PDB file of N, CA and C in Angstrom:
ATOM      1  N   UNK A   1       0.811  -1.150  -0.017  1.00  0.00           N
ATOM      2  CA  UNK A   1      -0.091   0.032   0.001  1.00  0.00           C
ATOM      3  C   UNK A   1       0.911   1.314  -0.061  1.00  0.00           C
ATOM      4  N   UNK A   2       0.486   2.293  -0.661  1.00  0.00           N
ATOM      5  CA  UNK A   2       1.127   3.446  -0.893  1.00  0.00           C
ATOM      6  C   UNK A   2       1.011   4.358   0.495  1.00  0.00           C
ATOM      7  N   UNK A   3       2.021   4.963   1.035  1.00  0.00           N
ATOM      8  CA  UNK A   3       1.840   5.806   2.157  1.00  0.00           C
ATOM      9  C   UNK A   3       1.087   6.933   1.683  1.00  0.00           C
ATOM     10  N   UNK A   4       0.061   7.439   2.485  1.00  0.00           N
ATOM     11  CA  UNK A   4      -0.786   8.538   2.085  1.00  0.00           C
ATOM     12  C   UNK A   4       0.046   9.875   2.104  1.00  0.00           C
ATOM     13  N   UNK A   5       0.975  10.049   2.954  1.00  0.00           N
ATOM     14  CA  UNK A   5       1.726  11.220   2.957  1.00  0.00           C
ATOM     15  C   UNK A   5       2.622  11.393   1.826  1.00  0.00           C
ATOM     16  N   UNK A   6       3.185  10.213   1.355  1.00  0.00           N
ATOM     17  CA  UNK A   6       4.006  10.277   0.137  1.00  0.00           C
ATOM     18  C   UNK A   6       3.094  10.541  -1.153  1.00  0.00           C
ATOM     19  N   UNK A   7       1.819  10.025  -1.163  1.00  0.00           N
ATOM     20  CA  UNK A   7       0.963  10.198  -2.223  1.00  0.00           C
ATOM     21  C   UNK A   7       0.293  11.479  -2.265  1.00  0.00           C
ATOM     22  N   UNK A   8       0.393  12.305  -1.057  1.00  0.00           N
ATOM     23  CA  UNK A   8      -0.224  13.537  -1.015  1.00  0.00           C
ATOM     24  C   UNK A   8      -1.804  13.494  -0.811  1.00  0.00           C
ATOM     25  N   UNK A   9      -2.203  12.329  -0.231  1.00  0.00           N
ATOM     26  CA  UNK A   9      -3.606  12.211   0.104  1.00  0.00           C
ATOM     27  C   UNK A   9      -3.797  12.404   1.552  1.00  0.00           C
ATOM     28  N   UNK A  10      -4.944  13.040   1.905  1.00  0.00           N
ATOM     29  CA  UNK A  10      -5.332  13.270   3.255  1.00  0.00           C
ATOM     30  C   UNK A  10      -5.472  11.953   4.106  1.00  0.00           C
ATOM     31  N   UNK A  11      -5.429  12.038   5.311  1.00  0.00           N
ATOM     32  CA  UNK A  11      -5.534  10.894   6.195  1.00  0.00           C
ATOM     33  C   UNK A  11      -7.003  10.367   6.350  1.00  0.00           C
ATOM     34  N   UNK A  12      -7.877  11.375   6.312  1.00  0.00           N
ATOM     35  CA  UNK A  12      -9.261  11.071   6.481  1.00  0.00           C
ATOM     36  C   UNK A  12     -10.128  11.931   5.479  1.00  0.00           C
ATOM     37  N   UNK A  13     -11.466  11.511   5.403  1.00  0.00           N
ATOM     38  CA  UNK A  13     -12.505  12.143   4.530  1.00  0.00           C
ATOM     39  C   UNK A  13     -12.788  13.448   5.180  1.00  0.00           C
ATOM     40  N   UNK A  14     -13.061  14.482   4.284  1.00  0.00           N
ATOM     41  CA  UNK A  14     -13.536  15.731   4.800  1.00  0.00           C
ATOM     42  C   UNK A  14     -14.964  15.496   5.507  1.00  0.00           C
ATOM     43  N   UNK A  15     -15.272  16.455   6.361  1.00  0.00           N
ATOM     44  CA  UNK A  15     -16.425  16.257   7.212  1.00  0.00           C
ATOM     45  C   UNK A  15     -17.689  16.300   6.473  1.00  0.00           C
ATOM     46  N   UNK A  16     -17.923  17.000   5.322  1.00  0.00           N
ATOM     47  CA  UNK A  16     -19.124  16.987   4.554  1.00  0.00           C
ATOM     48  C   UNK A  16     -19.102  15.616   3.631  1.00  0.00           C
ATOM     49  N   UNK A  17     -18.017  15.098   3.435  1.00  0.00           N
ATOM     50  CA  UNK A  17     -17.889  13.671   2.733  1.00  0.00           C
ATOM     51  C   UNK A  17     -18.280  12.621   3.579  1.00  0.00           C
ATOM     52  N   UNK A  18     -17.950  12.690   4.844  1.00  0.00           N
ATOM     53  CA  UNK A  18     -18.400  11.571   5.784  1.00  0.00           C
ATOM     54  C   UNK A  18     -19.810  11.279   5.835  1.00  0.00           C
ATOM     55  N   UNK A  19     -20.668  12.173   5.757  1.00  0.00           N
ATOM     56  CA  UNK A  19     -22.210  12.092   5.735  1.00  0.00           C
ATOM     57  C   UNK A  19     -22.599  11.211   4.612  1.00  0.00           C
ATOM     58  N   UNK A  20     -21.789  11.050   3.568  1.00  0.00           N
ATOM     59  CA  UNK A  20     -22.282  10.276   2.378  1.00  0.00           C
ATOM     60  C   UNK A  20     -22.164   8.835   2.753  1.00  0.00           C
ATOM     61  N   UNK A  21     -21.521   8.342   3.796  1.00  0.00           N
ATOM     62  CA  UNK A  21     -21.234   6.919   4.022  1.00  0.00           C
ATOM     63  C   UNK A  21     -21.949   6.535   5.304  1.00  0.00           C
ATOM     64  N   UNK A  22     -23.313   6.579   5.218  1.00  0.00           N
ATOM     65  CA  UNK A  22     -24.163   6.305   6.272  1.00  0.00           C
ATOM     66  C   UNK A  22     -24.127   4.919   6.921  1.00  0.00           C
ATOM     67  N   UNK A  23     -23.814   3.970   5.995  1.00  0.00           N
ATOM     68  CA  UNK A  23     -23.870   2.523   6.368  1.00  0.00           C
ATOM     69  C   UNK A  23     -22.548   1.970   6.958  1.00  0.00           C
ATOM     70  N   UNK A  24     -21.400   2.796   6.932  1.00  0.00           N
ATOM     71  CA  UNK A  24     -20.162   2.346   7.486  1.00  0.00           C
ATOM     72  C   UNK A  24     -19.648   3.552   8.418  1.00  0.00           C
ATOM     73  N   UNK A  25     -18.634   3.027   9.148  1.00  0.00           N
ATOM     74  CA  UNK A  25     -17.906   4.202   9.966  1.00  0.00           C
ATOM     75  C   UNK A  25     -16.891   4.814   9.147  1.00  0.00           C
ATOM     76  N   UNK A  26     -17.240   6.088   8.792  1.00  0.00           N
ATOM     77  CA  UNK A  26     -16.465   6.847   7.746  1.00  0.00           C
ATOM     78  C   UNK A  26     -15.016   6.948   8.305  1.00  0.00           C
ATOM     79  N   UNK A  27     -14.736   6.871   9.536  1.00  0.00           N
ATOM     80  CA  UNK A  27     -13.389   6.991  10.014  1.00  0.00           C
ATOM     81  C   UNK A  27     -12.440   5.771   9.672  1.00  0.00           C
ATOM     82  N   UNK A  28     -13.120   4.654   9.318  1.00  0.00           N
ATOM     83  CA  UNK A  28     -12.344   3.518   9.000  1.00  0.00           C
ATOM     84  C   UNK A  28     -12.004   3.484   7.406  1.00  0.00           C
ATOM     85  N   UNK A  29     -12.541   4.302   6.630  1.00  0.00           N
ATOM     86  CA  UNK A  29     -12.331   4.425   5.170  1.00  0.00           C
ATOM     87  C   UNK A  29     -10.850   4.942   4.931  1.00  0.00           C
ATOM     88  N   UNK A  30     -10.184   4.251   4.105  1.00  0.00           N
ATOM     89  CA  UNK A  30      -8.859   4.721   3.768  1.00  0.00           C
ATOM     90  C   UNK A  30      -8.960   5.359   2.341  1.00  0.00           C
ATOM     91  N   UNK A  31      -8.532   6.636   2.398  1.00  0.00           N
ATOM     92  CA  UNK A  31      -8.783   7.407   1.113  1.00  0.00           C
ATOM     93  C   UNK A  31      -8.041   6.942  -0.105  1.00  0.00           C
ATOM     94  N   UNK A  32      -6.898   6.139   0.141  1.00  0.00           N
ATOM     95  CA  UNK A  32      -6.234   5.509  -1.056  1.00  0.00           C
ATOM     96  C   UNK A  32      -6.795   4.189  -1.255  1.00  0.00           C
ATOM     97  N   UNK A  33      -7.008   3.279  -0.301  1.00  0.00           N
ATOM     98  CA  UNK A  33      -7.464   1.933  -0.578  1.00  0.00           C
ATOM     99  C   UNK A  33      -9.005   1.869  -1.065  1.00  0.00           C
ATOM    100  N   UNK A  34      -9.682   2.809  -0.597  1.00  0.00           N
ATOM    101  CA  UNK A  34     -11.136   2.826  -0.948  1.00  0.00           C
ATOM    102  C   UNK A  34     -11.568   3.824  -1.937  1.00  0.00           C
ATOM    103  N   UNK A  35     -10.581   4.301  -2.762  1.00  0.00           N
ATOM    104  CA  UNK A  35     -10.778   5.314  -3.689  1.00  0.00           C
ATOM    105  C   UNK A  35     -12.059   5.109  -4.644  1.00  0.00           C
ATOM    106  N   UNK A  36     -12.297   3.978  -5.258  1.00  0.00           N
ATOM    107  CA  UNK A  36     -13.350   3.798  -6.194  1.00  0.00           C
ATOM    108  C   UNK A  36     -14.739   3.837  -5.285  1.00  0.00           C
ATOM    109  N   UNK A  37     -14.756   3.268  -4.236  1.00  0.00           N
ATOM    110  CA  UNK A  37     -15.994   3.361  -3.350  1.00  0.00           C
ATOM    111  C   UNK A  37     -16.320   4.810  -2.957  1.00  0.00           C
ATOM    112  N   UNK A  38     -15.215   5.508  -2.586  1.00  0.00           N
ATOM    113  CA  UNK A  38     -15.480   7.016  -2.218  1.00  0.00           C
ATOM    114  C   UNK A  38     -15.924   7.745  -3.404  1.00  0.00           C
ATOM    115  N   UNK A  39     -15.128   7.585  -4.522  1.00  0.00           N
ATOM    116  CA  UNK A  39     -15.468   8.350  -5.744  1.00  0.00           C
ATOM    117  C   UNK A  39     -16.858   8.030  -6.214  1.00  0.00           C
ATOM    118  N   UNK A  40     -17.165   6.843  -6.267  1.00  0.00           N
ATOM    119  CA  UNK A  40     -18.625   6.499  -6.555  1.00  0.00           C
ATOM    120  C   UNK A  40     -19.711   7.164  -5.837  1.00  0.00           C
ATOM    121  N   UNK A  41     -19.566   7.084  -4.509  1.00  0.00           N
ATOM    122  CA  UNK A  41     -20.539   7.865  -3.649  1.00  0.00           C
ATOM    123  C   UNK A  41     -20.581   9.339  -3.792  1.00  0.00           C
ATOM    124  N   UNK A  42     -19.327   9.885  -3.841  1.00  0.00           N
ATOM    125  CA  UNK A  42     -19.318  11.300  -3.953  1.00  0.00           C
ATOM    126  C   UNK A  42     -19.759  11.851  -5.248  1.00  0.00           C
ATOM    127  N   UNK A  43     -19.390  11.240  -6.324  1.00  0.00           N
ATOM    128  CA  UNK A  43     -19.874  11.755  -7.725  1.00  0.00           C
ATOM    129  C   UNK A  43     -21.362  11.642  -7.916  1.00  0.00           C
ATOM    130  N   UNK A  44     -21.889  10.476  -7.268  1.00  0.00           N
ATOM    131  CA  UNK A  44     -23.353  10.270  -7.489  1.00  0.00           C
ATOM    132  C   UNK A  44     -24.154  10.967  -6.476  1.00  0.00           C
ATOM    133  N   UNK A  45     -23.744  11.261  -5.244  1.00  0.00           N
ATOM    134  CA  UNK A  45     -24.643  11.804  -4.260  1.00  0.00           C
ATOM    135  C   UNK A  45     -23.923  13.152  -3.598  1.00  0.00           C
ATOM    136  N   UNK A  46     -22.792  13.530  -3.907  1.00  0.00           N
ATOM    137  CA  UNK A  46     -22.119  14.529  -3.305  1.00  0.00           C
ATOM    138  C   UNK A  46     -22.651  15.996  -3.443  1.00  0.00           C
ATOM    139  N   UNK A  47     -22.214  16.685  -2.468  1.00  0.00           N
ATOM    140  CA  UNK A  47     -22.615  18.242  -2.587  1.00  0.00           C
ATOM    141  C   UNK A  47     -21.505  18.823  -3.380  1.00  0.00           C
ATOM    142  N   UNK A  48     -21.651  20.191  -3.629  1.00  0.00           N
ATOM    143  CA  UNK A  48     -20.371  20.796  -4.318  1.00  0.00           C
ATOM    144  C   UNK A  48     -19.293  20.721  -3.612  1.00  0.00           C
ATOM    145  N   UNK A  49     -19.340  20.960  -2.272  1.00  0.00           N
ATOM    146  CA  UNK A  49     -18.161  20.896  -1.302  1.00  0.00           C
ATOM    147  C   UNK A  49     -17.493  19.575  -1.337  1.00  0.00           C
ATOM    148  N   UNK A  50     -18.307  18.494  -1.358  1.00  0.00           N
ATOM    149  CA  UNK A  50     -17.716  17.169  -1.400  1.00  0.00           C
ATOM    150  C   UNK A  50     -17.102  16.769  -2.661  1.00  0.00           C
ATOM    151  N   UNK A  51     -17.707  17.252  -3.773  1.00  0.00           N
ATOM    152  CA  UNK A  51     -17.062  17.025  -5.110  1.00  0.00           C
ATOM    153  C   UNK A  51     -15.745  17.822  -5.216  1.00  0.00           C
ATOM    154  N   UNK A  52     -15.759  18.996  -4.697  1.00  0.00           N
ATOM    155  CA  UNK A  52     -14.547  19.803  -4.756  1.00  0.00           C
ATOM    156  C   UNK A  52     -13.421  19.157  -3.870  1.00  0.00           C
ATOM    157  N   UNK A  53     -13.756  18.494  -2.800  1.00  0.00           N
ATOM    158  CA  UNK A  53     -12.882  17.827  -2.066  1.00  0.00           C
ATOM    159  C   UNK A  53     -12.256  16.504  -2.848  1.00  0.00           C
ATOM    160  N   UNK A  54     -13.166  15.867  -3.561  1.00  0.00           N
ATOM    161  CA  UNK A  54     -12.742  14.741  -4.459  1.00  0.00           C
ATOM    162  C   UNK A  54     -11.779  15.147  -5.638  1.00  0.00           C
ATOM    163  N   UNK A  55     -12.070  16.238  -6.176  1.00  0.00           N
ATOM    164  CA  UNK A  55     -11.348  16.716  -7.239  1.00  0.00           C
ATOM    165  C   UNK A  55      -9.902  17.079  -6.718  1.00  0.00           C
ATOM    166  N   UNK A  56      -9.865  17.795  -5.569  1.00  0.00           N
ATOM    167  CA  UNK A  56      -8.611  18.266  -4.901  1.00  0.00           C
ATOM    168  C   UNK A  56      -7.840  16.989  -4.529  1.00  0.00           C
ATOM    169  N   UNK A  57      -8.554  16.009  -3.953  1.00  0.00           N
ATOM    170  CA  UNK A  57      -7.940  14.825  -3.349  1.00  0.00           C
ATOM    171  C   UNK A  57      -7.286  13.930  -4.524  1.00  0.00           C
ATOM    172  N   UNK A  58      -8.074  13.431  -5.439  1.00  0.00           N
ATOM    173  CA  UNK A  58      -7.779  12.533  -6.439  1.00  0.00           C
ATOM    174  C   UNK A  58      -7.337  13.190  -7.756  1.00  0.00           C
ATOM    175  N   UNK A  59      -7.733  14.317  -8.102  1.00  0.00           N
ATOM    176  CA  UNK A  59      -7.313  14.839  -9.376  1.00  0.00           C
ATOM    177  C   UNK A  59      -8.314  14.539 -10.537  1.00  0.00           C
ATOM    178  N   UNK A  60      -8.341  15.330 -11.500  1.00  0.00           N
ATOM    179  CA  UNK A  60      -9.130  15.039 -12.622  1.00  0.00           C
ATOM    180  C   UNK A  60      -8.920  13.889 -13.490  1.00  0.00           C
ATOM    181  N   UNK A  61      -7.598  13.491 -13.521  1.00  0.00           N
ATOM    182  CA  UNK A  61      -7.122  12.324 -14.201  1.00  0.00           C
ATOM    183  C   UNK A  61      -7.642  11.039 -13.553  1.00  0.00           C
ATOM    184  N   UNK A  62      -7.617  10.998 -12.231  1.00  0.00           N
ATOM    185  CA  UNK A  62      -8.159   9.747 -11.560  1.00  0.00           C
ATOM    186  C   UNK A  62      -9.725   9.711 -11.642  1.00  0.00           C
ATOM    187  N   UNK A  63     -10.216  10.827 -11.681  1.00  0.00           N
ATOM    188  CA  UNK A  63     -11.785  10.794 -11.755  1.00  0.00           C
ATOM    189  C   UNK A  63     -12.175  10.392 -13.266  1.00  0.00           C
ATOM    190  N   UNK A  64     -11.380  10.864 -14.196  1.00  0.00           N
ATOM    191  CA  UNK A  64     -11.663  10.358 -15.680  1.00  0.00           C
ATOM    192  C   UNK A  64     -11.566   8.823 -15.739  1.00  0.00           C
ATOM    193  N   UNK A  65     -10.451   8.290 -15.203  1.00  0.00           N
ATOM    194  CA  UNK A  65     -10.136   6.949 -15.052  1.00  0.00           C
ATOM    195  C   UNK A  65     -11.215   6.083 -14.475  1.00  0.00           C
ATOM    196  N   UNK A  66     -11.765   6.598 -13.300  1.00  0.00           N
ATOM    197  CA  UNK A  66     -12.988   6.041 -12.662  1.00  0.00           C
ATOM    198  C   UNK A  66     -14.174   6.074 -13.413  1.00  0.00           C
ATOM    199  N   UNK A  67     -14.535   7.165 -14.060  1.00  0.00           N
ATOM    200  CA  UNK A  67     -15.718   7.194 -14.915  1.00  0.00           C
ATOM    201  C   UNK A  67     -15.640   6.270 -16.114  1.00  0.00           C
ATOM    202  N   UNK A  68     -14.496   6.070 -16.642  1.00  0.00           N
ATOM    203  CA  UNK A  68     -14.391   5.293 -17.848  1.00  0.00           C
ATOM    204  C   UNK A  68     -14.270   3.839 -17.459  1.00  0.00           C
ATOM    205  N   UNK A  69     -13.978   3.543 -16.175  1.00  0.00           N
ATOM    206  CA  UNK A  69     -13.916   2.169 -15.765  1.00  0.00           C
ATOM    207  C   UNK A  69     -15.146   1.790 -14.903  1.00  0.00           C
ATOM    208  N   UNK A  70     -15.001   1.745 -13.638  1.00  0.00           N
ATOM    209  CA  UNK A  70     -15.915   1.248 -12.709  1.00  0.00           C
ATOM    210  C   UNK A  70     -17.114   2.164 -12.624  1.00  0.00           C
ATOM    211  N   UNK A  71     -16.949   3.463 -12.888  1.00  0.00           N
ATOM    212  CA  UNK A  71     -18.158   4.441 -12.829  1.00  0.00           C
ATOM    213  C   UNK A  71     -19.235   4.101 -13.789  1.00  0.00           C
ATOM    214  N   UNK A  72     -18.939   3.414 -14.994  1.00  0.00           N
ATOM    215  CA  UNK A  72     -19.904   2.962 -15.806  1.00  0.00           C
ATOM    216  C   UNK A  72     -20.788   1.892 -15.218  1.00  0.00           C
ATOM    217  N   UNK A  73     -20.233   1.131 -14.250  1.00  0.00           N
ATOM    218  CA  UNK A  73     -21.048   0.119 -13.598  1.00  0.00           C
ATOM    219  C   UNK A  73     -21.778   0.544 -12.301  1.00  0.00           C
ATOM    220  N   UNK A  74     -21.313   1.641 -11.679  1.00  0.00           N
ATOM    221  CA  UNK A  74     -21.892   1.955 -10.379  1.00  0.00           C
ATOM    222  C   UNK A  74     -22.611   3.272 -10.475  1.00  0.00           C
ATOM    223  N   UNK A  75     -22.436   4.060 -11.414  1.00  0.00           N
ATOM    224  CA  UNK A  75     -23.133   5.414 -11.426  1.00  0.00           C
ATOM    225  C   UNK A  75     -24.339   5.316 -12.348  1.00  0.00           C
ATOM    226  N   UNK A  76     -25.393   6.186 -12.163  1.00  0.00           N
ATOM    227  CA  UNK A  76     -26.476   6.348 -13.033  1.00  0.00           C
ATOM    228  C   UNK A  76     -26.235   6.906 -14.314  1.00  0.00           C
ATOM    229  N   UNK A  77     -27.007   6.690 -15.214  1.00  0.00           N
ATOM    230  CA  UNK A  77     -26.926   7.260 -16.594  1.00  0.00           C
ATOM    231  C   UNK A  77     -26.773   8.870 -16.502  1.00  0.00           C
ATOM    232  N   UNK A  78     -27.701   9.481 -15.594  1.00  0.00           N
ATOM    233  CA  UNK A  78     -27.713  10.854 -15.589  1.00  0.00           C
ATOM    234  C   UNK A  78     -26.250  11.296 -14.967  1.00  0.00           C
ATOM    235  N   UNK A  79     -25.869  10.727 -13.978  1.00  0.00           N
ATOM    236  CA  UNK A  79     -24.488  11.067 -13.405  1.00  0.00           C
ATOM    237  C   UNK A  79     -23.382  10.894 -14.476  1.00  0.00           C
ATOM    238  N   UNK A  80     -23.341   9.723 -15.113  1.00  0.00           N
ATOM    239  CA  UNK A  80     -22.280   9.491 -16.158  1.00  0.00           C
ATOM    240  C   UNK A  80     -22.298  10.548 -17.185  1.00  0.00           C
ATOM    241  N   UNK A  81     -23.581  10.883 -17.699  1.00  0.00           N
ATOM    242  CA  UNK A  81     -23.678  12.011 -18.749  1.00  0.00           C
ATOM    243  C   UNK A  81     -23.140  13.266 -18.251  1.00  0.00           C
ATOM    244  N   UNK A  82     -23.510  13.665 -17.049  1.00  0.00           N
ATOM    245  CA  UNK A  82     -22.994  14.906 -16.479  1.00  0.00           C
ATOM    246  C   UNK A  82     -21.462  14.980 -16.428  1.00  0.00           C
ATOM    247  N   UNK A  83     -20.891  13.977 -15.815  1.00  0.00           N
ATOM    248  CA  UNK A  83     -19.483  13.931 -15.597  1.00  0.00           C
ATOM    249  C   UNK A  83     -18.697  13.852 -17.044  1.00  0.00           C
ATOM    250  N   UNK A  84     -19.447  12.995 -18.008  1.00  0.00           N
ATOM    251  CA  UNK A  84     -18.820  12.912 -19.318  1.00  0.00           C
ATOM    252  C   UNK A  84     -18.724  14.389 -20.117  1.00  0.00           C
ATOM    253  N   UNK A  85     -19.850  15.075 -19.878  1.00  0.00           N
ATOM    254  CA  UNK A  85     -19.908  16.288 -20.503  1.00  0.00           C
ATOM    255  C   UNK A  85     -18.878  17.285 -19.752  1.00  0.00           C
ATOM    256  N   UNK A  86     -18.878  17.187 -18.497  1.00  0.00           N
ATOM    257  CA  UNK A  86     -17.985  18.091 -17.667  1.00  0.00           C
ATOM    258  C   UNK A  86     -16.453  17.811 -17.887  1.00  0.00           C
ATOM    259  N   UNK A  87     -16.158  16.552 -18.136  1.00  0.00           N
ATOM    260  CA  UNK A  87     -14.660  16.197 -18.395  1.00  0.00           C
ATOM    261  C   UNK A  87     -14.431  16.050 -19.757  1.00  0.00           C
ATOM    262  N   UNK A  88     -15.299  16.281 -20.654  1.00  0.00           N
ATOM    263  CA  UNK A  88     -15.008  16.107 -22.124  1.00  0.00           C
ATOM    264  C   UNK A  88     -14.938  14.685 -22.620  1.00  0.00           C
ATOM    265  N   UNK A  89     -15.614  13.848 -21.920  1.00  0.00           N
ATOM    266  CA  UNK A  89     -15.519  12.347 -22.389  1.00  0.00           C
ATOM    267  C   UNK A  89     -16.718  11.946 -23.259  1.00  0.00           C
ATOM    268  N   UNK A  90     -17.597  12.784 -23.658  1.00  0.00           N
ATOM    269  CA  UNK A  90     -18.747  12.420 -24.428  1.00  0.00           C
ATOM    270  C   UNK A  90     -18.426  11.691 -25.667  1.00  0.00           C
ATOM    271  N   UNK A  91     -17.182  11.798 -26.253  1.00  0.00           N
ATOM    272  CA  UNK A  91     -16.927  11.200 -27.566  1.00  0.00           C
ATOM    273  C   UNK A  91     -16.264   9.765 -27.239  1.00  0.00           C
ATOM    274  N   UNK A  92     -16.088   9.363 -26.078  1.00  0.00           N
ATOM    275  CA  UNK A  92     -15.533   8.138 -25.816  1.00  0.00           C
ATOM    276  C   UNK A  92     -16.417   7.021 -26.190  1.00  0.00           C
ATOM    277  N   UNK A  93     -15.981   5.930 -26.886  1.00  0.00           N
ATOM    278  CA  UNK A  93     -16.875   4.914 -27.351  1.00  0.00           C
ATOM    279  C   UNK A  93     -17.552   4.274 -26.159  1.00  0.00           C
ATOM    280  N   UNK A  94     -16.877   3.933 -25.104  1.00  0.00           N
ATOM    281  CA  UNK A  94     -17.586   3.297 -24.085  1.00  0.00           C
ATOM    282  C   UNK A  94     -18.669   4.264 -23.369  1.00  0.00           C
ATOM    283  N   UNK A  95     -18.481   5.499 -23.354  1.00  0.00           N
ATOM    284  CA  UNK A  95     -19.501   6.368 -22.804  1.00  0.00           C
ATOM    285  C   UNK A  95     -20.682   6.400 -23.802  1.00  0.00           C
ATOM    286  N   UNK A  96     -20.488   6.433 -25.111  1.00  0.00           N
ATOM    287  CA  UNK A  96     -21.599   6.427 -26.073  1.00  0.00           C
ATOM    288  C   UNK A  96     -22.363   5.116 -25.986  1.00  0.00           C
ATOM    289  N   UNK A  97     -21.709   4.081 -25.892  1.00  0.00           N
ATOM    290  CA  UNK A  97     -22.475   2.741 -25.857  1.00  0.00           C
ATOM    291  C   UNK A  97     -23.307   2.720 -24.518  1.00  0.00           C
ATOM    292  N   UNK A  98     -22.740   3.208 -23.326  1.00  0.00           N
ATOM    293  CA  UNK A  98     -23.352   3.172 -22.114  1.00  0.00           C
ATOM    294  C   UNK A  98     -24.638   4.060 -22.082  1.00  0.00           C
ATOM    295  N   UNK A  99     -24.572   5.321 -22.805  1.00  0.00           N
ATOM    296  CA  UNK A  99     -25.553   6.214 -22.895  1.00  0.00           C
ATOM    297  C   UNK A  99     -26.713   5.847 -23.889  1.00  0.00           C
ATOM    298  N   UNK A 100     -26.277   5.194 -25.047  1.00  0.00           N
ATOM    299  CA  UNK A 100     -27.277   4.964 -25.896  1.00  0.00           C
ATOM    300  C   UNK A 100     -27.890   3.443 -25.971  1.00  0.00           C
ATOM    301  N   UNK A 101     -27.240   2.600 -25.119  1.00  0.00           N
ATOM    302  CA  UNK A 101     -27.685   1.175 -24.952  1.00  0.00           C
ATOM    303  C   UNK A 101     -28.982   1.073 -24.326  1.00  0.00           C
ATOM    304  N   UNK A 102     -29.466  -0.197 -24.255  1.00  0.00           N
ATOM    305  CA  UNK A 102     -30.777  -0.393 -23.538  1.00  0.00           C
ATOM    306  C   UNK A 102     -30.509  -0.159 -22.055  1.00  0.00           C
ATOM    307  N   UNK A 103     -31.620   0.334 -21.525  1.00  0.00           N
ATOM    308  CA  UNK A 103     -31.591   0.786 -20.078  1.00  0.00           C
ATOM    309  C   UNK A 103     -31.417  -0.489 -19.138  1.00  0.00           C
ATOM    310  N   UNK A 104     -32.150  -1.517 -19.610  1.00  0.00           N
ATOM    311  CA  UNK A 104     -32.106  -2.653 -18.765  1.00  0.00           C
ATOM    312  C   UNK A 104     -32.058  -3.857 -19.739  1.00  0.00           C
ATOM    313  N   UNK A 105     -31.020  -4.572 -20.122  1.00  0.00           N
ATOM    314  CA  UNK A 105     -31.119  -5.613 -21.167  1.00  0.00           C
ATOM    315  C   UNK A 105     -31.943  -6.879 -20.556  1.00  0.00           C
ATOM    316  N   UNK A 106     -32.102  -6.934 -19.371  1.00  0.00           N
ATOM    317  CA  UNK A 106     -32.934  -8.130 -18.932  1.00  0.00           C
ATOM    318  C   UNK A 106     -34.313  -7.684 -18.891  1.00  0.00           C
ATOM    319  N   UNK A 107     -34.757  -6.568 -18.867  1.00  0.00           N
ATOM    320  CA  UNK A 107     -36.197  -6.093 -18.907  1.00  0.00           C
ATOM    321  C   UNK A 107     -36.349  -4.868 -19.797  1.00  0.00           C
ATOM    322  N   UNK A 108     -36.337  -5.196 -21.151  1.00  0.00           N
ATOM    323  CA  UNK A 108     -36.349  -4.100 -22.103  1.00  0.00           C
ATOM    324  C   UNK A 108     -37.694  -3.346 -22.225  1.00  0.00           C
ATOM    325  N   UNK A 109     -38.680  -3.433 -21.392  1.00  0.00           N
ATOM    326  CA  UNK A 109     -39.931  -2.755 -21.411  1.00  0.00           C
ATOM    327  C   UNK A 109     -40.053  -1.478 -20.608  1.00  0.00           C
TER     328      UNK A 109
END
């Protein structure tokens, strides 16, 4: 595991970010080890302040990487579309397929 101080990551979540993790003890979350879990929750449900914290903590490049990877599986279409437009990812093939594909292939009605 990477030392948080060397990676430039804070030791704990910001106060307004902690409220997004109602089902776990937020003090046990590791900002580095639980990055995808934290980003998924913050990008989907976060406030302006919590999103600002995520951008400052992880950087735009890591958020792009998350959106193009795990984000397509855990974020809503509305959220993916918003972040794709904001980050200039709307021309990525995986984003196009995600946004134009069937909403639920198991129940197409």
